[in-house]
């Protein structure tokens, strides 16, 4: 049984998992405009943290935390698959599905007590979702401009 004192200390882990998950969810809600936004990411992170905490602390050493972790990963895979949409030959929401998956990992990381690792992972995920997206978009636009200029130049040479 987990004492009330321990539950209070572990509640800080749950709170941190919620905050870190919210940072990822806010980005997805602003960018992707789909159902896997702020609330979904927070629920995934908090739930993963709780399952991890319970697997470590609630079963008196009789449980196997690795089995619980494996089930979290399976469940998140199912949830992520529901986020992905196929339209014709194009796949949509793959980044959002991946962000749900990594949010579960961050929640599990907080659940093990590795707060610093979870914070660093969240910062890397945020960088991947926001600044890196902007850099990739700018690069694509630059390459498209070069291709268009070359096509125009070739068109002028033929005329």
N, C-alpha and C. Protein backbone atom coordinates (compact mmCIF):
# COMPACT_ATOMS: atom_id res chain seq x y z
N UNK A 1 0.85 -1.19 0.00
CA UNK A 1 0.00 0.00 0.00
C UNK A 1 0.89 1.25 0.00
N UNK A 2 0.46 2.24 -0.73
CA UNK A 2 1.21 3.49 -0.81
C UNK A 2 0.70 4.42 0.29
N UNK A 3 1.61 4.90 1.12
CA UNK A 3 1.21 5.79 2.21
C UNK A 3 0.75 7.12 1.65
N UNK A 4 0.04 7.86 2.48
CA UNK A 4 -0.44 9.17 2.08
C UNK A 4 0.73 10.10 1.78
N UNK A 5 1.78 10.01 2.54
CA UNK A 5 2.98 10.81 2.32
C UNK A 5 3.60 10.50 0.96
N UNK A 6 3.70 9.22 0.64
CA UNK A 6 4.26 8.81 -0.65
C UNK A 6 3.35 9.29 -1.79
N UNK A 7 2.05 9.18 -1.59
CA UNK A 7 1.11 9.62 -2.62
C UNK A 7 1.26 11.10 -2.91
N UNK A 8 1.49 11.89 -1.87
CA UNK A 8 1.71 13.32 -2.07
C UNK A 8 2.95 13.55 -2.92
N UNK A 9 4.04 12.87 -2.58
CA UNK A 9 5.29 13.02 -3.34
C UNK A 9 5.11 12.56 -4.78
N UNK A 10 4.41 11.45 -4.97
CA UNK A 10 4.19 10.93 -6.32
C UNK A 10 3.25 11.82 -7.12
N UNK A 11 2.37 12.55 -6.42
CA UNK A 11 1.47 13.49 -7.11
C UNK A 11 2.25 14.57 -7.84
N UNK A 12 3.42 14.91 -7.33
CA UNK A 12 4.26 15.89 -8.03
C UNK A 12 4.72 15.35 -9.38
N UNK A 13 4.97 14.05 -9.45
CA UNK A 13 5.32 13.42 -10.72
C UNK A 13 4.16 13.54 -11.71
N UNK A 14 2.96 13.28 -11.22
CA UNK A 14 1.77 13.35 -12.07
C UNK A 14 1.57 14.78 -12.57
N UNK A 15 1.76 15.74 -11.68
CA UNK A 15 1.63 17.15 -12.06
C UNK A 15 2.65 17.52 -13.13
N UNK A 16 3.90 17.11 -12.94
CA UNK A 16 4.93 17.41 -13.94
C UNK A 16 4.60 16.74 -15.27
N UNK A 17 4.14 15.50 -15.24
CA UNK A 17 3.76 14.82 -16.49
C UNK A 17 2.66 15.60 -17.20
N UNK A 18 1.70 16.12 -16.44
CA UNK A 18 0.63 16.91 -17.03
C UNK A 18 1.14 18.19 -17.68
N UNK A 19 2.04 18.88 -17.00
CA UNK A 19 2.60 20.13 -17.53
C UNK A 19 3.42 19.87 -18.79
N UNK A 20 4.30 18.88 -18.75
CA UNK A 20 5.14 18.58 -19.91
C UNK A 20 4.29 18.12 -21.09
N UNK A 21 3.28 17.32 -20.82
CA UNK A 21 2.39 16.85 -21.88
C UNK A 21 1.59 18.01 -22.48
N UNK A 22 1.22 18.96 -21.64
CA UNK A 22 0.48 20.12 -22.12
C UNK A 22 1.31 20.93 -23.11
N UNK A 23 2.60 21.05 -22.86
CA UNK A 23 3.46 21.80 -23.77
C UNK A 23 3.43 21.20 -25.18
N UNK A 24 3.43 19.89 -25.24
CA UNK A 24 3.37 19.22 -26.54
C UNK A 24 1.96 19.34 -27.13
N UNK A 25 0.95 19.14 -26.31
CA UNK A 25 -0.44 19.22 -26.77
C UNK A 25 -0.83 20.58 -27.31
N UNK A 26 -0.31 21.63 -26.68
CA UNK A 26 -0.60 23.00 -27.16
C UNK A 26 -0.10 23.16 -28.58
N UNK A 27 1.10 22.69 -28.85
CA UNK A 27 1.64 22.81 -30.21
C UNK A 27 0.77 22.04 -31.20
N UNK A 28 0.39 20.84 -30.86
CA UNK A 28 -0.42 20.03 -31.79
C UNK A 28 -1.78 20.65 -32.02
N UNK A 29 -2.35 21.24 -30.99
CA UNK A 29 -3.66 21.87 -31.14
C UNK A 29 -3.57 23.09 -32.06
N UNK A 30 -2.50 23.86 -31.94
CA UNK A 30 -2.34 25.05 -32.78
C UNK A 30 -1.99 24.68 -34.21
N UNK A 31 -1.18 23.67 -34.41
CA UNK A 31 -0.67 23.34 -35.74
C UNK A 31 -1.59 22.40 -36.51
N UNK A 32 -1.95 21.30 -35.89
CA UNK A 32 -2.63 20.23 -36.62
C UNK A 32 -4.14 20.44 -36.68
N UNK A 33 -4.69 21.15 -35.72
CA UNK A 33 -6.12 21.40 -35.67
C UNK A 33 -6.93 20.11 -35.81
N UNK A 34 -6.54 19.12 -35.03
CA UNK A 34 -7.30 17.87 -35.03
C UNK A 34 -7.64 17.49 -33.59
N UNK A 35 -8.26 16.37 -33.42
CA UNK A 35 -8.75 15.99 -32.09
C UNK A 35 -7.64 15.63 -31.10
N UNK A 36 -6.46 15.29 -31.54
CA UNK A 36 -5.38 14.93 -30.63
C UNK A 36 -4.58 16.19 -30.28
N UNK A 37 -5.17 17.02 -29.44
CA UNK A 37 -4.54 18.28 -29.06
C UNK A 37 -4.14 18.30 -27.60
N UNK A 38 -4.38 19.41 -26.96
CA UNK A 38 -3.97 19.64 -25.58
C UNK A 38 -4.50 18.57 -24.63
N UNK A 39 -5.80 18.37 -24.60
CA UNK A 39 -6.38 17.44 -23.64
C UNK A 39 -5.92 16.00 -23.88
N UNK A 40 -5.88 15.59 -25.14
CA UNK A 40 -5.45 14.22 -25.44
C UNK A 40 -4.02 13.99 -24.97
N UNK A 41 -3.14 14.92 -25.28
CA UNK A 41 -1.74 14.76 -24.88
C UNK A 41 -1.59 14.76 -23.36
N UNK A 42 -2.33 15.63 -22.69
CA UNK A 42 -2.27 15.65 -21.23
C UNK A 42 -2.76 14.33 -20.64
N UNK A 43 -3.86 13.81 -21.16
CA UNK A 43 -4.38 12.54 -20.65
C UNK A 43 -3.41 11.38 -20.90
N UNK A 44 -2.79 11.37 -22.06
CA UNK A 44 -1.82 10.32 -22.37
C UNK A 44 -0.62 10.40 -21.42
N UNK A 45 -0.07 11.60 -21.23
CA UNK A 45 1.09 11.76 -20.35
C UNK A 45 0.78 11.43 -18.90
N UNK A 46 -0.35 11.93 -18.42
CA UNK A 46 -0.74 11.67 -17.04
C UNK A 46 -1.05 10.19 -16.83
N UNK A 47 -1.79 9.60 -17.76
CA UNK A 47 -2.12 8.17 -17.66
C UNK A 47 -0.88 7.29 -17.68
N UNK A 48 0.05 7.60 -18.57
CA UNK A 48 1.30 6.82 -18.65
C UNK A 48 2.10 6.95 -17.36
N UNK A 49 2.12 8.16 -16.82
CA UNK A 49 2.83 8.39 -15.56
C UNK A 49 2.18 7.60 -14.43
N UNK A 50 0.86 7.64 -14.35
CA UNK A 50 0.16 6.91 -13.29
C UNK A 50 0.39 5.40 -13.40
N UNK A 51 0.26 4.85 -14.59
CA UNK A 51 0.50 3.41 -14.76
C UNK A 51 1.93 3.04 -14.36
N UNK A 52 2.88 3.89 -14.73
CA UNK A 52 4.27 3.62 -14.38
C UNK A 52 4.47 3.71 -12.87
N UNK A 53 3.93 4.75 -12.25
CA UNK A 53 4.04 4.90 -10.80
C UNK A 53 3.42 3.70 -10.08
N UNK A 54 2.24 3.30 -10.51
CA UNK A 54 1.57 2.17 -9.88
C UNK A 54 2.36 0.88 -10.06
N UNK A 55 2.92 0.69 -11.24
CA UNK A 55 3.68 -0.55 -11.47
C UNK A 55 4.93 -0.62 -10.59
N UNK A 56 5.47 0.54 -10.24
CA UNK A 56 6.68 0.57 -9.42
C UNK A 56 6.35 0.53 -7.93
N UNK A 57 5.30 1.27 -7.51
CA UNK A 57 5.07 1.49 -6.09
C UNK A 57 3.90 0.74 -5.47
N UNK A 58 2.93 0.32 -6.25
CA UNK A 58 1.68 -0.17 -5.65
C UNK A 58 1.63 -1.68 -5.44
N UNK A 59 2.51 -2.43 -6.04
CA UNK A 59 2.36 -3.88 -5.99
C UNK A 59 3.36 -4.56 -5.05
N UNK A 60 3.98 -3.79 -4.18
CA UNK A 60 4.86 -4.34 -3.15
C UNK A 60 6.00 -5.17 -3.68
N UNK A 61 6.51 -4.81 -4.83
CA UNK A 61 7.65 -5.55 -5.39
C UNK A 61 7.25 -6.84 -6.08
N UNK A 62 5.95 -7.18 -6.07
CA UNK A 62 5.50 -8.43 -6.70
C UNK A 62 5.20 -8.25 -8.19
N UNK A 63 5.03 -7.02 -8.61
CA UNK A 63 4.69 -6.75 -10.01
C UNK A 63 5.94 -6.62 -10.86
N UNK A 64 5.73 -6.62 -12.15
CA UNK A 64 6.83 -6.46 -13.10
C UNK A 64 6.59 -5.17 -13.88
N UNK A 65 7.30 -4.08 -13.51
CA UNK A 65 7.10 -2.79 -14.20
C UNK A 65 7.31 -2.87 -15.70
N UNK A 66 8.17 -3.77 -16.16
CA UNK A 66 8.42 -3.88 -17.60
C UNK A 66 7.17 -4.36 -18.34
N UNK A 67 6.38 -5.21 -17.72
CA UNK A 67 5.15 -5.68 -18.36
C UNK A 67 4.14 -4.55 -18.48
N UNK A 68 4.04 -3.73 -17.46
CA UNK A 68 3.13 -2.58 -17.51
C UNK A 68 3.59 -1.61 -18.59
N UNK A 69 4.90 -1.36 -18.65
CA UNK A 69 5.45 -0.46 -19.67
C UNK A 69 5.12 -0.99 -21.07
N UNK A 70 5.25 -2.27 -21.28
CA UNK A 70 4.95 -2.85 -22.59
C UNK A 70 3.48 -2.65 -22.95
N UNK A 71 2.60 -2.76 -21.98
CA UNK A 71 1.18 -2.57 -22.24
C UNK A 71 0.85 -1.11 -22.54
N UNK A 72 1.57 -0.20 -21.89
CA UNK A 72 1.38 1.22 -22.20
C UNK A 72 1.75 1.48 -23.66
N UNK A 73 2.88 0.95 -24.07
CA UNK A 73 3.34 1.15 -25.45
C UNK A 73 2.33 0.57 -26.44
N UNK A 74 1.80 -0.61 -26.14
CA UNK A 74 0.78 -1.22 -27.03
C UNK A 74 -0.47 -0.36 -27.11
N UNK A 75 -0.93 0.09 -25.97
CA UNK A 75 -2.13 0.93 -25.95
C UNK A 75 -1.96 2.23 -26.69
N UNK A 76 -0.79 2.83 -26.54
CA UNK A 76 -0.53 4.10 -27.23
C UNK A 76 -0.43 3.87 -28.73
N UNK A 77 0.11 2.73 -29.14
CA UNK A 77 0.16 2.40 -30.56
C UNK A 77 -1.24 2.35 -31.16
N UNK A 78 -2.16 1.77 -30.41
CA UNK A 78 -3.55 1.70 -30.85
C UNK A 78 -4.16 3.09 -30.94
N UNK A 79 -3.91 3.92 -29.95
CA UNK A 79 -4.42 5.29 -29.95
C UNK A 79 -3.82 6.09 -31.11
N UNK A 80 -2.51 5.95 -31.32
CA UNK A 80 -1.84 6.66 -32.41
C UNK A 80 -2.38 6.25 -33.77
N UNK A 81 -2.68 4.97 -33.93
CA UNK A 81 -3.23 4.49 -35.20
C UNK A 81 -4.58 5.14 -35.49
N UNK A 82 -5.33 5.44 -34.45
CA UNK A 82 -6.62 6.10 -34.62
C UNK A 82 -6.50 7.55 -35.05
N UNK A 83 -5.34 8.15 -34.79
CA UNK A 83 -5.12 9.55 -35.15
C UNK A 83 -4.77 9.69 -36.63
N UNK A 84 -4.12 8.69 -37.18
CA UNK A 84 -3.63 8.75 -38.56
C UNK A 84 -4.80 8.62 -39.53
N UNK A 85 -4.81 9.49 -40.53
CA UNK A 85 -5.88 9.51 -41.53
C UNK A 85 -5.26 9.33 -42.92
N UNK A 86 -5.87 8.50 -43.72
CA UNK A 86 -5.46 8.33 -45.11
C UNK A 86 -6.48 9.02 -46.00
N UNK A 87 -6.00 9.90 -46.86
CA UNK A 87 -6.85 10.56 -47.86
C UNK A 87 -6.21 10.29 -49.21
N UNK A 88 -6.83 9.41 -49.95
CA UNK A 88 -6.23 9.03 -51.23
C UNK A 88 -4.90 8.34 -50.99
N UNK A 89 -3.85 8.90 -51.56
CA UNK A 89 -2.51 8.31 -51.40
C UNK A 89 -1.69 9.05 -50.35
N UNK A 90 -2.30 10.01 -49.65
CA UNK A 90 -1.57 10.82 -48.68
C UNK A 90 -1.92 10.40 -47.26
N UNK A 91 -0.92 10.46 -46.40
CA UNK A 91 -1.08 10.15 -44.98
C UNK A 91 -1.09 11.47 -44.22
N UNK A 92 -2.05 11.64 -43.33
CA UNK A 92 -2.18 12.86 -42.53
C UNK A 92 -2.09 12.53 -41.04
N UNK A 93 -1.63 13.48 -40.27
CA UNK A 93 -1.56 13.41 -38.81
C UNK A 93 -0.50 12.44 -38.27
N UNK A 94 0.46 12.10 -39.09
CA UNK A 94 1.52 11.21 -38.63
C UNK A 94 2.36 11.86 -37.53
N UNK A 95 2.64 13.16 -37.65
CA UNK A 95 3.39 13.86 -36.62
C UNK A 95 2.60 13.90 -35.31
N UNK A 96 1.30 14.11 -35.40
CA UNK A 96 0.48 14.11 -34.19
C UNK A 96 0.48 12.73 -33.54
N UNK A 97 0.38 11.68 -34.33
CA UNK A 97 0.43 10.32 -33.77
C UNK A 97 1.78 10.09 -33.08
N UNK A 98 2.85 10.55 -33.71
CA UNK A 98 4.18 10.40 -33.10
C UNK A 98 4.29 11.23 -31.82
N UNK A 99 3.65 12.39 -31.80
CA UNK A 99 3.72 13.21 -30.59
C UNK A 99 2.92 12.58 -29.45
N UNK A 100 1.83 11.88 -29.76
CA UNK A 100 1.09 11.14 -28.73
C UNK A 100 1.98 10.03 -28.17
N UNK A 101 2.68 9.34 -29.05
CA UNK A 101 3.58 8.25 -28.65
C UNK A 101 4.70 8.75 -27.74
N UNK A 102 5.35 9.84 -28.13
CA UNK A 102 6.45 10.36 -27.32
C UNK A 102 5.94 10.98 -26.02
N UNK A 103 4.71 11.51 -26.03
CA UNK A 103 4.12 12.02 -24.80
C UNK A 103 3.94 10.89 -23.78
N UNK A 104 3.54 9.73 -24.24
CA UNK A 104 3.43 8.57 -23.34
C UNK A 104 4.80 8.23 -22.76
N UNK A 105 5.82 8.27 -23.58
CA UNK A 105 7.18 7.98 -23.10
C UNK A 105 7.62 9.01 -22.06
N UNK A 106 7.28 10.26 -22.28
CA UNK A 106 7.63 11.31 -21.31
C UNK A 106 6.89 11.08 -20.00
N UNK A 107 5.61 10.73 -20.09
CA UNK A 107 4.84 10.42 -18.88
C UNK A 107 5.45 9.24 -18.13
N UNK A 108 5.86 8.21 -18.85
CA UNK A 108 6.51 7.06 -18.21
C UNK A 108 7.83 7.47 -17.57
N UNK A 109 8.56 8.35 -18.24
CA UNK A 109 9.85 8.81 -17.71
C UNK A 109 9.66 9.55 -16.39
N UNK A 110 8.66 10.43 -16.35
CA UNK A 110 8.34 11.13 -15.10
C UNK A 110 7.93 10.12 -14.04
N UNK A 111 7.16 9.11 -14.44
CA UNK A 111 6.71 8.08 -13.49
C UNK A 111 7.85 7.31 -12.84
N UNK A 112 8.95 7.18 -13.55
CA UNK A 112 10.10 6.48 -12.95
C UNK A 112 10.91 7.41 -12.06
N UNK A 113 10.58 8.69 -12.07
CA UNK A 113 11.31 9.66 -11.25
C UNK A 113 12.43 10.37 -11.97
N UNK A 114 12.57 10.14 -13.26
CA UNK A 114 13.64 10.76 -14.05
C UNK A 114 13.15 12.10 -14.59
N UNK A 115 12.95 13.06 -13.70
CA UNK A 115 12.39 14.36 -14.05
C UNK A 115 13.25 15.12 -15.06
N UNK A 116 14.55 15.16 -14.84
CA UNK A 116 15.43 15.90 -15.74
C UNK A 116 15.36 15.33 -17.15
N UNK A 117 15.42 14.03 -17.24
CA UNK A 117 15.34 13.37 -18.55
C UNK A 117 14.02 13.71 -19.24
N UNK A 118 12.92 13.73 -18.50
CA UNK A 118 11.62 14.06 -19.07
C UNK A 118 11.57 15.51 -19.54
N UNK A 119 12.15 16.41 -18.77
CA UNK A 119 12.16 17.83 -19.16
C UNK A 119 13.00 18.04 -20.41
N UNK A 120 14.17 17.41 -20.46
CA UNK A 120 15.03 17.52 -21.64
C UNK A 120 14.32 16.93 -22.87
N UNK A 121 13.69 15.78 -22.70
CA UNK A 121 12.96 15.16 -23.82
C UNK A 121 11.84 16.07 -24.30
N UNK A 122 11.13 16.71 -23.38
CA UNK A 122 10.06 17.62 -23.76
C UNK A 122 10.59 18.80 -24.56
N UNK A 123 11.72 19.33 -24.13
CA UNK A 123 12.32 20.45 -24.87
C UNK A 123 12.74 20.03 -26.27
N UNK A 124 13.28 18.83 -26.40
CA UNK A 124 13.67 18.33 -27.72
C UNK A 124 12.44 18.12 -28.60
N UNK A 125 11.38 17.57 -28.02
CA UNK A 125 10.14 17.37 -28.77
C UNK A 125 9.57 18.72 -29.21
N UNK A 126 9.54 19.68 -28.30
CA UNK A 126 9.04 21.01 -28.65
C UNK A 126 9.88 21.61 -29.79
N UNK A 127 11.21 21.49 -29.71
CA UNK A 127 12.08 22.01 -30.77
C UNK A 127 11.76 21.32 -32.10
N UNK A 128 11.51 20.02 -32.04
CA UNK A 128 11.18 19.26 -33.24
C UNK A 128 9.85 19.71 -33.84
N UNK A 129 8.88 19.99 -32.98
CA UNK A 129 7.55 20.34 -33.47
C UNK A 129 7.42 21.80 -33.91
N UNK A 130 8.19 22.71 -33.31
CA UNK A 130 7.99 24.12 -33.63
C UNK A 130 9.15 24.72 -34.43
N UNK A 131 10.29 25.03 -33.81
CA UNK A 131 11.37 25.67 -34.60
C UNK A 131 11.85 24.82 -35.78
N UNK A 132 11.97 23.52 -35.58
CA UNK A 132 12.45 22.67 -36.67
C UNK A 132 11.44 22.62 -37.82
N UNK A 133 10.15 22.65 -37.49
CA UNK A 133 9.10 22.69 -38.52
C UNK A 133 9.25 23.96 -39.35
N UNK A 134 9.48 25.08 -38.66
CA UNK A 134 9.64 26.36 -39.37
C UNK A 134 10.88 26.35 -40.27
N UNK A 135 11.96 25.77 -39.76
CA UNK A 135 13.20 25.70 -40.56
C UNK A 135 13.00 24.82 -41.78
N UNK A 136 12.31 23.69 -41.61
CA UNK A 136 12.06 22.78 -42.72
C UNK A 136 11.16 23.43 -43.76
N UNK A 137 10.15 24.15 -43.30
CA UNK A 137 9.25 24.84 -44.22
C UNK A 137 10.00 25.91 -45.02
N UNK A 138 10.86 26.68 -44.34
CA UNK A 138 11.64 27.72 -45.03
C UNK A 138 12.58 27.09 -46.05
N UNK A 139 13.16 25.96 -45.71
CA UNK A 139 14.07 25.26 -46.64
C UNK A 139 13.30 24.79 -47.87
N UNK A 140 12.12 24.21 -47.65
CA UNK A 140 11.29 23.74 -48.77
C UNK A 140 10.92 24.89 -49.70
N UNK A 141 10.53 26.02 -49.10
CA UNK A 141 10.15 27.19 -49.90
C UNK A 141 11.34 27.72 -50.69
N UNK A 142 12.52 27.70 -50.09
CA UNK A 142 13.73 28.14 -50.77
C UNK A 142 14.06 27.23 -51.95
N UNK A 143 13.98 25.92 -51.74
CA UNK A 143 14.24 24.97 -52.82
C UNK A 143 13.22 25.12 -53.95
N UNK A 144 11.96 25.34 -53.58
CA UNK A 144 10.91 25.53 -54.59
C UNK A 144 11.20 26.78 -55.41
N UNK A 145 11.66 27.87 -54.76
CA UNK A 145 11.98 29.10 -55.48
C UNK A 145 13.12 28.88 -56.45
N UNK A 146 14.13 28.11 -56.04
CA UNK A 146 15.26 27.81 -56.92
C UNK A 146 14.78 26.97 -58.11
N UNK A 147 13.95 25.96 -57.85
CA UNK A 147 13.43 25.12 -58.93
C UNK A 147 12.60 25.95 -59.91
N UNK A 148 11.76 26.84 -59.38
CA UNK A 148 10.94 27.70 -60.24
C UNK A 148 11.82 28.62 -61.09
N UNK A 149 12.86 29.18 -60.47
CA UNK A 149 13.77 30.07 -61.21
C UNK A 149 14.49 29.31 -62.31
N UNK A 150 14.92 28.09 -62.01
CA UNK A 150 15.60 27.28 -63.02
C UNK A 150 14.65 26.90 -64.15
N UNK A 151 13.38 26.58 -63.82
CA UNK A 151 12.40 26.25 -64.83
C UNK A 151 12.12 27.44 -65.73
N UNK A 152 12.03 28.64 -65.13
CA UNK A 152 11.80 29.86 -65.91
C UNK A 152 12.99 30.15 -66.81
N UNK A 153 14.20 29.92 -66.29
CA UNK A 153 15.41 30.16 -67.05
C UNK A 153 15.48 29.21 -68.24
N UNK A 154 15.14 27.95 -68.01
CA UNK A 154 15.14 26.97 -69.10
C UNK A 154 14.05 27.30 -70.13
N UNK A 155 12.92 27.79 -69.66
CA UNK A 155 11.84 28.19 -70.57
C UNK A 155 12.25 29.35 -71.45
N UNK A 156 13.00 30.35 -70.87
CA UNK A 156 13.47 31.50 -71.63
C UNK A 156 14.50 31.08 -72.66
N UNK A 157 15.34 30.10 -72.32
CA UNK A 157 16.40 29.67 -73.23
C UNK A 157 15.81 28.95 -74.45
N UNK A 158 14.68 28.25 -74.25
CA UNK A 158 14.07 27.52 -75.35
C UNK A 158 13.32 28.44 -76.29
N UNK A 159 12.86 29.56 -75.82
CA UNK A 159 12.05 30.46 -76.64
C UNK A 159 12.83 31.27 -77.61
